[in-house]
Amino acid sequence: MKAWLLFLLGSIAYFLIRYNGRTDKIKELNMKFWWKDNAPEFILSFILNLAVMLIFMDADTNITEWLTSFLPSGIVVPIKLVVGFACGLGLGKGVYELFKEKLKRHGEEILKK
């Protein structure tokens, strides 16, 4: 349950970081505009993050041995909690950037026609 909460917090944190980095900081937060502007990226990011979380949080998945191979011996890390937060925060960025790049390329193709 903690991993899922961290996943949700990571997802929210990523979009708050994006909001904080906006170019027009004079305007106040408008959820209707934000949703209209970010809904496709948010939904796609959430779906892919959720899929990864379902895989990683499955009882049969053991990523602990693989991830601990990158850590010095003796360090104990709650892997599933870290992965939950990383999925929300890190994968959100990856999906958002891929989506933005695809839209940019698609827009350039339309302009060429």
Protein backbone atom coordinates (compact mmCIF):
# COMPACT_ATOMS: atom_id res chain seq x y z
CA MET A 1 0.00 0.00 0.00
CA LYS A 2 2.86 2.39 0.78
CA ALA A 3 4.40 1.80 -2.65
CA TRP A 4 1.12 2.73 -4.34
CA LEU A 5 0.85 5.90 -2.26
CA LEU A 6 4.43 6.81 -3.17
CA PHE A 7 3.60 6.14 -6.83
CA LEU A 8 0.69 8.57 -6.62
CA LEU A 9 2.80 11.17 -4.80
CA GLY A 10 5.56 10.82 -7.40
CA SER A 11 3.06 11.35 -10.22
CA ILE A 12 1.62 14.43 -8.57
CA ALA A 13 5.10 15.75 -7.75
CA TYR A 14 6.19 15.48 -11.37
CA PHE A 15 3.28 17.53 -12.66
CA LEU A 16 3.73 20.09 -9.86
CA ILE A 17 7.38 20.41 -10.87
CA ARG A 18 6.24 20.98 -14.45
CA TYR A 19 3.72 23.56 -13.26
CA ASN A 20 6.37 25.36 -11.23
CA GLY A 21 8.65 25.51 -14.28
CA ARG A 22 6.00 27.17 -16.47
CA THR A 23 7.05 30.23 -18.46
CA ASP A 24 4.05 32.42 -17.56
CA LYS A 25 4.19 32.57 -13.76
CA ILE A 26 1.85 35.55 -13.48
CA LYS A 27 -1.33 33.54 -14.03
CA GLU A 28 -2.82 31.68 -11.10
CA LEU A 29 -3.44 27.93 -11.19
CA ASN A 30 -6.49 27.18 -13.28
CA MET A 31 -7.33 23.48 -13.08
CA LYS A 32 -9.65 23.63 -16.09
CA PHE A 33 -6.93 25.12 -18.30
CA TRP A 34 -4.29 22.80 -16.82
CA TRP A 35 -6.42 19.74 -17.55
CA LYS A 36 -7.12 20.89 -21.10
CA ASP A 37 -3.42 21.56 -21.70
CA ASN A 38 -2.01 18.44 -20.00
CA ALA A 39 -4.73 15.76 -20.07
CA PRO A 40 -3.28 13.58 -22.87
CA GLU A 41 0.21 13.56 -21.32
CA PHE A 42 -1.15 12.98 -17.82
CA ILE A 43 -3.43 10.12 -18.86
CA LEU A 44 -0.80 8.36 -20.99
CA SER A 45 1.84 8.81 -18.30
CA PHE A 46 -0.51 7.49 -15.63
CA ILE A 47 -1.49 4.44 -17.71
CA LEU A 48 2.12 3.47 -18.48
CA ASN A 49 3.23 4.12 -14.90
CA LEU A 50 0.36 2.03 -13.62
CA ALA A 51 1.33 -0.84 -15.92
CA VAL A 52 4.93 -0.74 -14.69
CA MET A 53 3.75 -0.58 -11.08
CA LEU A 54 1.50 -3.61 -11.57
CA ILE A 55 4.47 -5.55 -12.94
CA PHE A 56 6.95 -4.44 -10.29
CA MET A 57 4.57 -4.82 -7.35
CA ASP A 58 3.46 -8.32 -8.32
CA ALA A 59 4.39 -10.91 -5.71
CA ASP A 60 6.30 -12.96 -8.32
CA THR A 61 8.52 -10.03 -9.36
CA ASN A 62 11.81 -9.88 -7.51
CA ILE A 63 13.76 -6.79 -8.47
CA THR A 64 15.54 -6.59 -5.14
CA GLU A 65 18.46 -8.83 -6.16
CA TRP A 66 18.99 -6.96 -9.41
CA LEU A 67 18.85 -3.49 -7.84
CA THR A 68 21.03 -4.39 -4.88
CA SER A 69 23.76 -5.38 -7.31
CA PHE A 70 24.21 -1.62 -7.91
CA LEU A 71 24.47 -0.76 -4.18
CA PRO A 72 27.41 -1.23 -1.82
CA SER A 73 27.05 -4.26 0.41
CA GLY A 74 25.35 -3.66 3.73
CA ILE A 75 22.96 -0.98 2.47
CA VAL A 76 19.33 -1.96 2.90
CA VAL A 77 16.79 -0.09 0.80
CA PRO A 78 13.02 -0.67 0.69
CA ILE A 79 13.15 -1.37 -3.04
CA LYS A 80 9.42 -1.54 -3.71
CA LEU A 81 8.88 1.84 -2.04
CA VAL A 82 11.70 3.42 -4.02
CA VAL A 83 10.43 1.90 -7.26
CA GLY A 84 6.91 3.15 -6.52
CA PHE A 85 8.07 6.74 -6.14
CA ALA A 86 10.48 6.50 -9.07
CA CYS A 87 7.71 5.19 -11.34
CA GLY A 88 5.51 8.15 -10.53
CA LEU A 89 8.23 10.75 -10.78
CA GLY A 90 10.67 9.41 -13.35
CA LEU A 91 8.43 7.61 -15.78
CA GLY A 92 6.09 10.60 -15.85
CA LYS A 93 8.92 12.71 -17.20
CA GLY A 94 9.90 10.11 -19.79
CA VAL A 95 6.38 9.69 -21.10
CA TYR A 96 5.78 13.45 -21.13
CA GLU A 97 8.98 14.10 -23.11
CA LEU A 98 8.18 11.33 -25.62
CA PHE A 99 4.67 12.69 -26.09
CA LYS A 100 5.97 16.25 -26.53
CA GLU A 101 8.56 15.11 -29.10
CA LYS A 102 5.94 13.16 -31.07
CA LEU A 103 3.63 16.18 -31.14
CA LYS A 104 6.51 18.39 -32.28
CA ARG A 105 7.39 16.02 -35.14
CA HIS A 106 3.74 15.64 -36.12
CA GLY A 107 3.33 19.43 -36.17
CA GLU A 108 6.42 19.82 -38.39
CA GLU A 109 5.01 17.22 -40.82
CA ILE A 110 1.72 19.12 -41.03
CA LEU A 111 3.54 22.40 -41.67
CA LYS A 112 5.53 20.81 -44.53
CA LYS A 113 2.35 19.84 -46.38
